[in-house]
Amino acid sequence: MKFNGYVHFNGTNNIEKTHEFYCDFLGLTLWLEQASCRIYELPGGNLIGFCEHMDVAKKGNMLTFVTDHVDAVYDEFVNAGVYVDGAPRKNDNYNIYHFFTTDPDGHALEIQKFL
């Protein structure tokens, strides 16, 4: 089997708020706009999509964004008034440095650095 890429689709209640968060705030590039879905390009060439016709499933899903600049990203979230669960911290079990937040629909997001 050979695949050309990966798209992870999530439900959204408001495609415009989702666009503002992922495109305008996080800086992802809009890759494709469809009738009730928007797909954004992630670093590394994979894709993430949000669709208004899908249920917003909040349990069991987490989107993790990897960066070497966890503290700077944390400051940007705090300065923009975006919810964060606390200051970045080291997790010795997984050897990462991270914090958690949510998007406008309540999807769990983690911002992390592998140590």
PDB file of N, CA and C in Angstrom:
ATOM      1  N   MET A   1       0.836  -1.180   0.000  1.00  0.00           N
ATOM      2  CA  MET A   1       0.000   0.000   0.000  1.00  0.00           C
ATOM      3  C   MET A   1       0.877   1.238   0.000  1.00  0.00           C
ATOM      4  N   LYS A   2       0.449   2.235  -0.747  1.00  0.00           N
ATOM      5  CA  LYS A   2       1.177   3.491  -0.793  1.00  0.00           C
ATOM      6  C   LYS A   2       0.195   4.637  -0.642  1.00  0.00           C
ATOM      7  N   PHE A   3       0.479   5.547   0.289  1.00  0.00           N
ATOM      8  CA  PHE A   3      -0.387   6.693   0.524  1.00  0.00           C
ATOM      9  C   PHE A   3       0.361   7.966   0.171  1.00  0.00           C
ATOM     10  N   ASN A   4      -0.379   8.971  -0.249  1.00  0.00           N
ATOM     11  CA  ASN A   4       0.224  10.249  -0.617  1.00  0.00           C
ATOM     12  C   ASN A   4       0.194  11.283   0.500  1.00  0.00           C
ATOM     13  N   GLY A   5      -0.544  11.021   1.557  1.00  0.00           N
ATOM     14  CA  GLY A   5      -0.633  11.984   2.641  1.00  0.00           C
ATOM     15  C   GLY A   5      -1.655  11.558   3.670  1.00  0.00           C
ATOM     16  N   TYR A   6      -1.945  12.470   4.564  1.00  0.00           N
ATOM     17  CA  TYR A   6      -2.844  12.191   5.677  1.00  0.00           C
ATOM     18  C   TYR A   6      -3.666  13.437   5.973  1.00  0.00           C
ATOM     19  N   VAL A   7      -4.988  13.261   6.136  1.00  0.00           N
ATOM     20  CA  VAL A   7      -5.873  14.339   6.565  1.00  0.00           C
ATOM     21  C   VAL A   7      -6.607  13.847   7.805  1.00  0.00           C
ATOM     22  N   HIS A   8      -6.562  14.617   8.867  1.00  0.00           N
ATOM     23  CA  HIS A   8      -7.319  14.312  10.078  1.00  0.00           C
ATOM     24  C   HIS A   8      -8.496  15.279  10.117  1.00  0.00           C
ATOM     25  N   PHE A   9      -9.722  14.750  10.023  1.00  0.00           N
ATOM     26  CA  PHE A   9     -10.913  15.589  10.015  1.00  0.00           C
ATOM     27  C   PHE A   9     -11.537  15.663  11.406  1.00  0.00           C
ATOM     28  N   ASN A  10     -12.004  16.855  11.759  1.00  0.00           N
ATOM     29  CA  ASN A  10     -12.669  17.128  13.027  1.00  0.00           C
ATOM     30  C   ASN A  10     -13.950  17.902  12.738  1.00  0.00           C
ATOM     31  N   GLY A  11     -14.926  17.747  13.624  1.00  0.00           N
ATOM     32  CA  GLY A  11     -16.139  18.541  13.509  1.00  0.00           C
ATOM     33  C   GLY A  11     -15.931  19.938  14.066  1.00  0.00           C
ATOM     34  N   THR A  12     -16.717  20.891  13.573  1.00  0.00           N
ATOM     35  CA  THR A  12     -16.698  22.254  14.099  1.00  0.00           C
ATOM     36  C   THR A  12     -18.106  22.810  14.128  1.00  0.00           C
ATOM     37  N   ASN A  13     -18.366  23.652  15.110  1.00  0.00           N
ATOM     38  CA  ASN A  13     -19.659  24.325  15.189  1.00  0.00           C
ATOM     39  C   ASN A  13     -19.664  25.652  14.450  1.00  0.00           C
ATOM     40  N   ASN A  14     -18.488  26.204  14.187  1.00  0.00           N
ATOM     41  CA  ASN A  14     -18.393  27.510  13.543  1.00  0.00           C
ATOM     42  C   ASN A  14     -17.123  27.560  12.702  1.00  0.00           C
ATOM     43  N   ILE A  15     -17.261  27.358  11.414  1.00  0.00           N
ATOM     44  CA  ILE A  15     -16.116  27.280  10.512  1.00  0.00           C
ATOM     45  C   ILE A  15     -15.316  28.588  10.487  1.00  0.00           C
ATOM     46  N   GLU A  16     -15.984  29.723  10.682  1.00  0.00           N
ATOM     47  CA  GLU A  16     -15.279  31.013  10.668  1.00  0.00           C
ATOM     48  C   GLU A  16     -14.394  31.182  11.900  1.00  0.00           C
ATOM     49  N   LYS A  17     -14.908  30.835  13.080  1.00  0.00           N
ATOM     50  CA  LYS A  17     -14.085  30.912  14.297  1.00  0.00           C
ATOM     51  C   LYS A  17     -12.921  29.931  14.214  1.00  0.00           C
ATOM     52  N   THR A  18     -13.196  28.753  13.677  1.00  0.00           N
ATOM     53  CA  THR A  18     -12.142  27.756  13.503  1.00  0.00           C
ATOM     54  C   THR A  18     -11.068  28.281  12.558  1.00  0.00           C
ATOM     55  N   HIS A  19     -11.484  28.918  11.479  1.00  0.00           N
ATOM     56  CA  HIS A  19     -10.531  29.492  10.526  1.00  0.00           C
ATOM     57  C   HIS A  19      -9.683  30.576  11.192  1.00  0.00           C
ATOM     58  N   GLU A  20     -10.314  31.437  11.951  1.00  0.00           N
ATOM     59  CA  GLU A  20      -9.572  32.489  12.649  1.00  0.00           C
ATOM     60  C   GLU A  20      -8.517  31.890  13.570  1.00  0.00           C
ATOM     61  N   PHE A  21      -8.866  30.802  14.268  1.00  0.00           N
ATOM     62  CA  PHE A  21      -7.936  30.187  15.205  1.00  0.00           C
ATOM     63  C   PHE A  21      -6.784  29.496  14.479  1.00  0.00           C
ATOM     64  N   TYR A  22      -7.104  28.628  13.520  1.00  0.00           N
ATOM     65  CA  TYR A  22      -6.063  27.820  12.884  1.00  0.00           C
ATOM     66  C   TYR A  22      -5.266  28.584  11.822  1.00  0.00           C
ATOM     67  N   CYS A  23      -5.908  29.449  11.088  1.00  0.00           N
ATOM     68  CA  CYS A  23      -5.216  30.189  10.028  1.00  0.00           C
ATOM     69  C   CYS A  23      -4.631  31.498  10.560  1.00  0.00           C
ATOM     70  N   ASP A  24      -5.485  32.341  11.108  1.00  0.00           N
ATOM     71  CA  ASP A  24      -5.035  33.663  11.537  1.00  0.00           C
ATOM     72  C   ASP A  24      -4.174  33.617  12.796  1.00  0.00           C
ATOM     73  N   PHE A  25      -4.559  32.817  13.798  1.00  0.00           N
ATOM     74  CA  PHE A  25      -3.821  32.788  15.061  1.00  0.00           C
ATOM     75  C   PHE A  25      -2.638  31.823  15.008  1.00  0.00           C
ATOM     76  N   LEU A  26      -2.886  30.544  14.621  1.00  0.00           N
ATOM     77  CA  LEU A  26      -1.793  29.571  14.585  1.00  0.00           C
ATOM     78  C   LEU A  26      -0.914  29.704  13.347  1.00  0.00           C
ATOM     79  N   GLY A  27      -1.417  30.346  12.311  1.00  0.00           N
ATOM     80  CA  GLY A  27      -0.616  30.570  11.110  1.00  0.00           C
ATOM     81  C   GLY A  27      -0.583  29.427  10.118  1.00  0.00           C
ATOM     82  N   LEU A  28      -1.538  28.486  10.220  1.00  0.00           N
ATOM     83  CA  LEU A  28      -1.596  27.416   9.234  1.00  0.00           C
ATOM     84  C   LEU A  28      -2.124  27.965   7.914  1.00  0.00           C
ATOM     85  N   THR A  29      -1.715  27.357   6.829  1.00  0.00           N
ATOM     86  CA  THR A  29      -2.139  27.776   5.498  1.00  0.00           C
ATOM     87  C   THR A  29      -3.406  27.030   5.096  1.00  0.00           C
ATOM     88  N   LEU A  30      -4.404  27.777   4.615  1.00  0.00           N
ATOM     89  CA  LEU A  30      -5.615  27.155   4.092  1.00  0.00           C
ATOM     90  C   LEU A  30      -5.242  26.430   2.810  1.00  0.00           C
ATOM     91  N   TRP A  31      -5.443  25.120   2.788  1.00  0.00           N
ATOM     92  CA  TRP A  31      -5.059  24.295   1.655  1.00  0.00           C
ATOM     93  C   TRP A  31      -6.214  24.110   0.678  1.00  0.00           C
ATOM     94  N   LEU A  32      -7.440  23.948   1.226  1.00  0.00           N
ATOM     95  CA  LEU A  32      -8.608  23.739   0.384  1.00  0.00           C
ATOM     96  C   LEU A  32      -9.852  24.159   1.145  1.00  0.00           C
ATOM     97  N   GLU A  33     -10.728  24.895   0.471  1.00  0.00           N
ATOM     98  CA  GLU A  33     -12.012  25.271   1.045  1.00  0.00           C
ATOM     99  C   GLU A  33     -13.109  24.567   0.265  1.00  0.00           C
ATOM    100  N   GLN A  34     -13.965  23.828   0.984  1.00  0.00           N
ATOM    101  CA  GLN A  34     -15.064  23.116   0.361  1.00  0.00           C
ATOM    102  C   GLN A  34     -16.370  23.668   0.928  1.00  0.00           C
ATOM    103  N   ALA A  35     -17.483  23.084   0.538  1.00  0.00           N
ATOM    104  CA  ALA A  35     -18.801  23.594   0.933  1.00  0.00           C
ATOM    105  C   ALA A  35     -18.907  23.847   2.436  1.00  0.00           C
ATOM    106  N   SER A  36     -18.666  22.851   3.257  1.00  0.00           N
ATOM    107  CA  SER A  36     -18.790  23.020   4.705  1.00  0.00           C
ATOM    108  C   SER A  36     -17.512  22.605   5.427  1.00  0.00           C
ATOM    109  N   CYS A  37     -16.416  22.494   4.699  1.00  0.00           N
ATOM    110  CA  CYS A  37     -15.135  22.061   5.271  1.00  0.00           C
ATOM    111  C   CYS A  37     -14.003  22.981   4.828  1.00  0.00           C
ATOM    112  N   ARG A  38     -13.022  23.113   5.686  1.00  0.00           N
ATOM    113  CA  ARG A  38     -11.771  23.779   5.328  1.00  0.00           C
ATOM    114  C   ARG A  38     -10.630  22.878   5.783  1.00  0.00           C
ATOM    115  N   ILE A  39      -9.644  22.773   4.913  1.00  0.00           N
ATOM    116  CA  ILE A  39      -8.493  21.906   5.178  1.00  0.00           C
ATOM    117  C   ILE A  39      -7.249  22.781   5.216  1.00  0.00           C
ATOM    118  N   TYR A  40      -6.424  22.559   6.252  1.00  0.00           N
ATOM    119  CA  TYR A  40      -5.227  23.366   6.480  1.00  0.00           C
ATOM    120  C   TYR A  40      -3.986  22.490   6.376  1.00  0.00           C
ATOM    121  N   GLU A  41      -2.925  23.091   5.867  1.00  0.00           N
ATOM    122  CA  GLU A  41      -1.655  22.386   5.732  1.00  0.00           C
ATOM    123  C   GLU A  41      -0.865  22.487   7.029  1.00  0.00           C
ATOM    124  N   LEU A  42      -0.357  21.345   7.464  1.00  0.00           N
ATOM    125  CA  LEU A  42       0.477  21.274   8.650  1.00  0.00           C
ATOM    126  C   LEU A  42       1.941  21.192   8.236  1.00  0.00           C
ATOM    127  N   PRO A  43       2.846  21.582   9.094  1.00  0.00           N
ATOM    128  CA  PRO A  43       4.262  21.378   8.786  1.00  0.00           C
ATOM    129  C   PRO A  43       4.508  19.898   8.506  1.00  0.00           C
ATOM    130  N   GLY A  44       5.334  19.607   7.548  1.00  0.00           N
ATOM    131  CA  GLY A  44       5.605  18.225   7.180  1.00  0.00           C
ATOM    132  C   GLY A  44       4.710  17.718   6.065  1.00  0.00           C
ATOM    133  N   GLY A  45       3.760  18.551   5.623  1.00  0.00           N
ATOM    134  CA  GLY A  45       2.951  18.205   4.471  1.00  0.00           C
ATOM    135  C   GLY A  45       1.649  17.486   4.757  1.00  0.00           C
ATOM    136  N   ASN A  46       1.341  17.198   6.007  1.00  0.00           N
ATOM    137  CA  ASN A  46       0.062  16.574   6.303  1.00  0.00           C
ATOM    138  C   ASN A  46      -1.019  17.635   6.428  1.00  0.00           C
ATOM    139  N   LEU A  47      -2.254  17.199   6.558  1.00  0.00           N
ATOM    140  CA  LEU A  47      -3.387  18.115   6.519  1.00  0.00           C
ATOM    141  C   LEU A  47      -4.331  17.873   7.688  1.00  0.00           C
ATOM    142  N   ILE A  48      -5.007  18.935   8.095  1.00  0.00           N
ATOM    143  CA  ILE A  48      -6.041  18.833   9.120  1.00  0.00           C
ATOM    144  C   ILE A  48      -7.274  19.558   8.596  1.00  0.00           C
ATOM    145  N   GLY A  49      -8.430  18.911   8.714  1.00  0.00           N
ATOM    146  CA  GLY A  49      -9.656  19.489   8.195  1.00  0.00           C
ATOM    147  C   GLY A  49     -10.710  19.656   9.274  1.00  0.00           C
ATOM    148  N   PHE A  50     -11.556  20.653   9.085  1.00  0.00           N
ATOM    149  CA  PHE A  50     -12.667  20.919   9.992  1.00  0.00           C
ATOM    150  C   PHE A  50     -13.929  21.062   9.170  1.00  0.00           C
ATOM    151  N   CYS A  51     -14.979  20.354   9.587  1.00  0.00           N
ATOM    152  CA  CYS A  51     -16.225  20.326   8.823  1.00  0.00           C
ATOM    153  C   CYS A  51     -17.418  20.608   9.731  1.00  0.00           C
ATOM    154  N   GLU A  52     -18.311  21.478   9.240  1.00  0.00           N
ATOM    155  CA  GLU A  52     -19.504  21.819  10.010  1.00  0.00           C
ATOM    156  C   GLU A  52     -20.535  20.698  10.018  1.00  0.00           C
ATOM    157  N   HIS A  53     -20.482  19.783   9.057  1.00  0.00           N
ATOM    158  CA  HIS A  53     -21.468  18.699   9.014  1.00  0.00           C
ATOM    159  C   HIS A  53     -21.087  17.531   9.927  1.00  0.00           C
ATOM    160  N   MET A  54     -19.920  17.587  10.562  1.00  0.00           N
ATOM    161  CA  MET A  54     -19.468  16.520  11.460  1.00  0.00           C
ATOM    162  C   MET A  54     -19.723  16.911  12.918  1.00  0.00           C
ATOM    163  N   ASP A  55     -19.971  15.921  13.757  1.00  0.00           N
ATOM    164  CA  ASP A  55     -20.108  16.168  15.191  1.00  0.00           C
ATOM    165  C   ASP A  55     -18.766  16.600  15.771  1.00  0.00           C
ATOM    166  N   VAL A  56     -18.824  17.433  16.777  1.00  0.00           N
ATOM    167  CA  VAL A  56     -17.618  17.858  17.477  1.00  0.00           C
ATOM    168  C   VAL A  56     -17.345  16.829  18.573  1.00  0.00           C
ATOM    169  N   ALA A  57     -16.400  15.938  18.309  1.00  0.00           N
ATOM    170  CA  ALA A  57     -16.011  14.907  19.274  1.00  0.00           C
ATOM    171  C   ALA A  57     -14.825  15.417  20.073  1.00  0.00           C
ATOM    172  N   LYS A  58     -15.014  15.567  21.370  1.00  0.00           N
ATOM    173  CA  LYS A  58     -13.966  16.132  22.208  1.00  0.00           C
ATOM    174  C   LYS A  58     -13.237  15.076  23.028  1.00  0.00           C
ATOM    175  N   LYS A  59     -13.836  13.942  23.215  1.00  0.00           N
ATOM    176  CA  LYS A  59     -13.209  12.909  24.036  1.00  0.00           C
ATOM    177  C   LYS A  59     -12.356  11.992  23.172  1.00  0.00           C
ATOM    178  N   GLY A  60     -11.168  11.705  23.680  1.00  0.00           N
ATOM    179  CA  GLY A  60     -10.309  10.739  23.001  1.00  0.00           C
ATOM    180  C   GLY A  60      -9.466  11.309  21.881  1.00  0.00           C
ATOM    181  N   ASN A  61      -9.636  12.574  21.556  1.00  0.00           N
ATOM    182  CA  ASN A  61      -8.828  13.194  20.514  1.00  0.00           C
ATOM    183  C   ASN A  61      -7.961  14.275  21.118  1.00  0.00           C
ATOM    184  N   MET A  62      -6.737  14.394  20.598  1.00  0.00           N
ATOM    185  CA  MET A  62      -5.880  15.501  20.977  1.00  0.00           C
ATOM    186  C   MET A  62      -4.986  15.808  19.791  1.00  0.00           C
ATOM    187  N   LEU A  63      -4.910  17.068  19.450  1.00  0.00           N
ATOM    188  CA  LEU A  63      -4.031  17.524  18.391  1.00  0.00           C
ATOM    189  C   LEU A  63      -2.772  18.062  19.047  1.00  0.00           C
ATOM    190  N   THR A  64      -1.622  17.529  18.680  1.00  0.00           N
ATOM    191  CA  THR A  64      -0.365  17.952  19.275  1.00  0.00           C
ATOM    192  C   THR A  64       0.469  18.677  18.231  1.00  0.00           C
ATOM    193  N   PHE A  65       0.859  19.891  18.568  1.00  0.00           N
ATOM    194  CA  PHE A  65       1.728  20.700  17.713  1.00  0.00           C
ATOM    195  C   PHE A  65       3.113  20.715  18.343  1.00  0.00           C
ATOM    196  N   VAL A  66       4.121  20.307  17.585  1.00  0.00           N
ATOM    197  CA  VAL A  66       5.482  20.197  18.073  1.00  0.00           C
ATOM    198  C   VAL A  66       6.266  21.442  17.677  1.00  0.00           C
ATOM    199  N   THR A  67       6.967  22.025  18.652  1.00  0.00           N
ATOM    200  CA  THR A  67       7.765  23.221  18.418  1.00  0.00           C
ATOM    201  C   THR A  67       8.951  23.247  19.372  1.00  0.00           C
ATOM    202  N   ASP A  68      10.020  23.887  18.964  1.00  0.00           N
ATOM    203  CA  ASP A  68      11.160  24.111  19.852  1.00  0.00           C
ATOM    204  C   ASP A  68      10.934  25.336  20.719  1.00  0.00           C
ATOM    205  N   HIS A  69       9.840  26.049  20.511  1.00  0.00           N
ATOM    206  CA  HIS A  69       9.591  27.337  21.163  1.00  0.00           C
ATOM    207  C   HIS A  69       8.318  27.306  22.017  1.00  0.00           C
ATOM    208  N   VAL A  70       8.211  26.314  22.886  1.00  0.00           N
ATOM    209  CA  VAL A  70       7.012  26.128  23.712  1.00  0.00           C
ATOM    210  C   VAL A  70       6.716  27.377  24.537  1.00  0.00           C
ATOM    211  N   ASP A  71       7.727  27.952  25.162  1.00  0.00           N
ATOM    212  CA  ASP A  71       7.500  29.130  26.009  1.00  0.00           C
ATOM    213  C   ASP A  71       6.979  30.321  25.208  1.00  0.00           C
ATOM    214  N   ALA A  72       7.530  30.546  24.023  1.00  0.00           N
ATOM    215  CA  ALA A  72       7.085  31.658  23.181  1.00  0.00           C
ATOM    216  C   ALA A  72       5.655  31.440  22.708  1.00  0.00           C
ATOM    217  N   VAL A  73       5.308  30.209  22.336  1.00  0.00           N
ATOM    218  CA  VAL A  73       3.939  29.903  21.913  1.00  0.00           C
ATOM    219  C   VAL A  73       2.985  30.093  23.089  1.00  0.00           C
ATOM    220  N   TYR A  74       3.394  29.648  24.261  1.00  0.00           N
ATOM    221  CA  TYR A  74       2.585  29.838  25.464  1.00  0.00           C
ATOM    222  C   TYR A  74       2.294  31.322  25.677  1.00  0.00           C
ATOM    223  N   ASP A  75       3.324  32.152  25.576  1.00  0.00           N
ATOM    224  CA  ASP A  75       3.144  33.599  25.751  1.00  0.00           C
ATOM    225  C   ASP A  75       2.163  34.163  24.733  1.00  0.00           C
ATOM    226  N   GLU A  76       2.233  33.696  23.487  1.00  0.00           N
ATOM    227  CA  GLU A  76       1.302  34.170  22.449  1.00  0.00           C
ATOM    228  C   GLU A  76      -0.137  33.794  22.794  1.00  0.00           C
ATOM    229  N   PHE A  77      -0.346  32.572  23.285  1.00  0.00           N
ATOM    230  CA  PHE A  77      -1.689  32.141  23.683  1.00  0.00           C
ATOM    231  C   PHE A  77      -2.207  33.006  24.827  1.00  0.00           C
ATOM    232  N   VAL A  78      -1.381  33.195  25.850  1.00  0.00           N
ATOM    233  CA  VAL A  78      -1.787  33.976  27.019  1.00  0.00           C
ATOM    234  C   VAL A  78      -2.083  35.422  26.620  1.00  0.00           C
ATOM    235  N   ASN A  79      -1.207  36.019  25.826  1.00  0.00           N
ATOM    236  CA  ASN A  79      -1.396  37.410  25.393  1.00  0.00           C
ATOM    237  C   ASN A  79      -2.639  37.585  24.536  1.00  0.00           C
ATOM    238  N   ALA A  80      -3.058  36.536  23.818  1.00  0.00           N
ATOM    239  CA  ALA A  80      -4.262  36.593  22.984  1.00  0.00           C
ATOM    240  C   ALA A  80      -5.518  36.238  23.781  1.00  0.00           C
ATOM    241  N   GLY A  81      -5.355  35.881  25.050  1.00  0.00           N
ATOM    242  CA  GLY A  81      -6.509  35.522  25.867  1.00  0.00           C
ATOM    243  C   GLY A  81      -7.049  34.129  25.595  1.00  0.00           C
ATOM    244  N   VAL A  82      -6.244  33.270  24.993  1.00  0.00           N
ATOM    245  CA  VAL A  82      -6.664  31.897  24.711  1.00  0.00           C
ATOM    246  C   VAL A  82      -6.435  31.050  25.965  1.00  0.00           C
ATOM    247  N   TYR A  83      -7.403  30.206  26.302  1.00  0.00           N
ATOM    248  CA  TYR A  83      -7.292  29.334  27.474  1.00  0.00           C
ATOM    249  C   TYR A  83      -6.032  28.477  27.398  1.00  0.00           C
ATOM    250  N   VAL A  84      -5.316  28.393  28.505  1.00  0.00           N
ATOM    251  CA  VAL A  84      -4.234  27.428  28.693  1.00  0.00           C
ATOM    252  C   VAL A  84      -4.433  26.786  30.059  1.00  0.00           C
ATOM    253  N   ASP A  85      -3.960  25.558  30.211  1.00  0.00           N
ATOM    254  CA  ASP A  85      -4.172  24.841  31.475  1.00  0.00           C
ATOM    255  C   ASP A  85      -3.106  25.136  32.513  1.00  0.00           C
ATOM    256  N   GLY A  86      -2.182  25.991  32.212  1.00  0.00           N
ATOM    257  CA  GLY A  86      -1.093  26.326  33.126  1.00  0.00           C
ATOM    258  C   GLY A  86       0.181  26.526  32.341  1.00  0.00           C
ATOM    259  N   ALA A  87       1.211  26.915  33.046  1.00  0.00           N
ATOM    260  CA  ALA A  87       2.500  27.185  32.410  1.00  0.00           C
ATOM    261  C   ALA A  87       3.099  25.903  31.829  1.00  0.00           C
ATOM    262  N   PRO A  88       3.958  26.051  30.807  1.00  0.00           N
ATOM    263  CA  PRO A  88       4.640  24.870  30.267  1.00  0.00           C
ATOM    264  C   PRO A  88       5.415  24.148  31.365  1.00  0.00           C
ATOM    265  N   ARG A  89       5.478  22.843  31.234  1.00  0.00           N
ATOM    266  CA  ARG A  89       6.135  22.033  32.243  1.00  0.00           C
ATOM    267  C   ARG A  89       6.749  20.790  31.613  1.00  0.00           C
ATOM    268  N   LYS A  90       7.734  20.236  32.311  1.00  0.00           N
ATOM    269  CA  LYS A  90       8.384  19.017  31.858  1.00  0.00           C
ATOM    270  C   LYS A  90       7.568  17.814  32.315  1.00  0.00           C
ATOM    271  N   ASN A  91       7.413  16.844  31.432  1.00  0.00           N
ATOM    272  CA  ASN A  91       6.767  15.575  31.760  1.00  0.00           C
ATOM    273  C   ASN A  91       7.845  14.507  31.659  1.00  0.00           C
ATOM    274  N   ASP A  92       8.311  14.038  32.812  1.00  0.00           N
ATOM    275  CA  ASP A  92       9.405  13.062  32.842  1.00  0.00           C
ATOM    276  C   ASP A  92       9.004  11.708  32.270  1.00  0.00           C
ATOM    277  N   ASN A  93       7.712  11.349  32.367  1.00  0.00           N
ATOM    278  CA  ASN A  93       7.261  10.061  31.827  1.00  0.00           C
ATOM    279  C   ASN A  93       7.470   9.959  30.322  1.00  0.00           C
ATOM    280  N   TYR A  94       7.280  11.075  29.620  1.00  0.00           N
ATOM    281  CA  TYR A  94       7.377  11.064  28.162  1.00  0.00           C
ATOM    282  C   TYR A  94       8.572  11.860  27.646  1.00  0.00           C
ATOM    283  N   ASN A  95       9.341  12.462  28.561  1.00  0.00           N
ATOM    284  CA  ASN A  95      10.502  13.272  28.215  1.00  0.00           C
ATOM    285  C   ASN A  95      10.125  14.374  27.225  1.00  0.00           C
ATOM    286  N   ILE A  96       9.100  15.146  27.621  1.00  0.00           N
ATOM    287  CA  ILE A  96       8.633  16.268  26.809  1.00  0.00           C
ATOM    288  C   ILE A  96       8.472  17.499  27.693  1.00  0.00           C
ATOM    289  N   TYR A  97       8.367  18.645  27.044  1.00  0.00           N
ATOM    290  CA  TYR A  97       8.063  19.922  27.683  1.00  0.00           C
ATOM    291  C   TYR A  97       6.813  20.426  26.993  1.00  0.00           C
ATOM    292  N   HIS A  98       5.721  20.757  27.746  1.00  0.00           N
ATOM    293  CA  HIS A  98       4.446  20.983  27.074  1.00  0.00           C
ATOM    294  C   HIS A  98       3.454  21.764  27.932  1.00  0.00           C
ATOM    295  N   PHE A  99       2.349  22.151  27.264  1.00  0.00           N
ATOM    296  CA  PHE A  99       1.158  22.655  27.940  1.00  0.00           C
ATOM    297  C   PHE A  99      -0.044  22.301  27.082  1.00  0.00           C
ATOM    298  N   PHE A 100      -1.231  22.426  27.678  1.00  0.00           N
ATOM    299  CA  PHE A 100      -2.468  22.085  26.985  1.00  0.00           C
ATOM    300  C   PHE A 100      -3.341  23.322  26.820  1.00  0.00           C
ATOM    301  N   THR A 101      -4.161  23.294  25.785  1.00  0.00           N
ATOM    302  CA  THR A 101      -5.105  24.355  25.488  1.00  0.00           C
ATOM    303  C   THR A 101      -6.276  23.731  24.737  1.00  0.00           C
ATOM    304  N   THR A 102      -7.199  24.546  24.259  1.00  0.00           N
ATOM    305  CA  THR A 102      -8.295  24.055  23.425  1.00  0.00           C
ATOM    306  C   THR A 102      -8.529  25.031  22.280  1.00  0.00           C
ATOM    307  N   ASP A 103      -9.154  24.529  21.229  1.00  0.00           N
ATOM    308  CA  ASP A 103      -9.540  25.408  20.120  1.00  0.00           C
ATOM    309  C   ASP A 103     -10.961  25.923  20.386  1.00  0.00           C
ATOM    310  N   PRO A 104     -11.526  26.733  19.489  1.00  0.00           N
ATOM    311  CA  PRO A 104     -12.860  27.302  19.738  1.00  0.00           C
ATOM    312  C   PRO A 104     -13.976  26.270  19.940  1.00  0.00           C
ATOM    313  N   ASP A 105     -13.799  25.049  19.430  1.00  0.00           N
ATOM    314  CA  ASP A 105     -14.806  24.005  19.601  1.00  0.00           C
ATOM    315  C   ASP A 105     -14.524  23.104  20.796  1.00  0.00           C
ATOM    316  N   GLY A 106     -13.459  23.375  21.525  1.00  0.00           N
ATOM    317  CA  GLY A 106     -13.127  22.569  22.689  1.00  0.00           C
ATOM    318  C   GLY A 106     -12.251  21.365  22.411  1.00  0.00           C
ATOM    319  N   HIS A 107     -11.740  21.233  21.163  1.00  0.00           N
ATOM    320  CA  HIS A 107     -10.804  20.141  20.879  1.00  0.00           C
ATOM    321  C   HIS A 107      -9.540  20.350  21.714  1.00  0.00           C
ATOM    322  N   ALA A 108      -9.052  19.278  22.313  1.00  0.00           N
ATOM    323  CA  ALA A 108      -7.833  19.355  23.113  1.00  0.00           C
ATOM    324  C   ALA A 108      -6.619  19.547  22.210  1.00  0.00           C
ATOM    325  N   LEU A 109      -5.797  20.528  22.570  1.00  0.00           N
ATOM    326  CA  LEU A 109      -4.546  20.772  21.860  1.00  0.00           C
ATOM    327  C   LEU A 109      -3.400  20.691  22.848  1.00  0.00           C
ATOM    328  N   GLU A 110      -2.300  20.137  22.402  1.00  0.00           N
ATOM    329  CA  GLU A 110      -1.083  20.117  23.200  1.00  0.00           C
ATOM    330  C   GLU A 110       0.005  20.801  22.382  1.00  0.00           C
ATOM    331  N   ILE A 111       0.759  21.645  23.038  1.00  0.00           N
ATOM    332  CA  ILE A 111       1.926  22.272  22.429  1.00  0.00           C
ATOM    333  C   ILE A 111       3.120  21.656  23.146  1.00  0.00           C
ATOM    334  N   GLN A 112       4.011  21.020  22.393  1.00  0.00           N
ATOM    335  CA  GLN A 112       5.080  20.290  23.056  1.00  0.00           C
ATOM    336  C   GLN A 112       6.396  20.322  22.308  1.00  0.00           C
ATOM    337  N   LYS A 113       7.436  20.011  23.071  1.00  0.00           N
ATOM    338  CA  LYS A 113       8.791  19.838  22.553  1.00  0.00           C
ATOM    339  C   LYS A 113       9.301  18.508  23.069  1.00  0.00           C
ATOM    340  N   PHE A 114       9.872  17.698  22.181  1.00  0.00           N
ATOM    341  CA  PHE A 114      10.520  16.462  22.604  1.00  0.00           C
ATOM    342  C   PHE A 114      11.888  16.828  23.166  1.00  0.00           C
ATOM    343  N   LEU A 115      12.194  16.290  24.343  1.00  0.00           N
ATOM    344  CA  LEU A 115      13.478  16.603  24.989  1.00  0.00           C
ATOM    345  C   LEU A 115      14.511  15.516  24.682  1.00  0.00           C
TER     346      LEU A 115
END
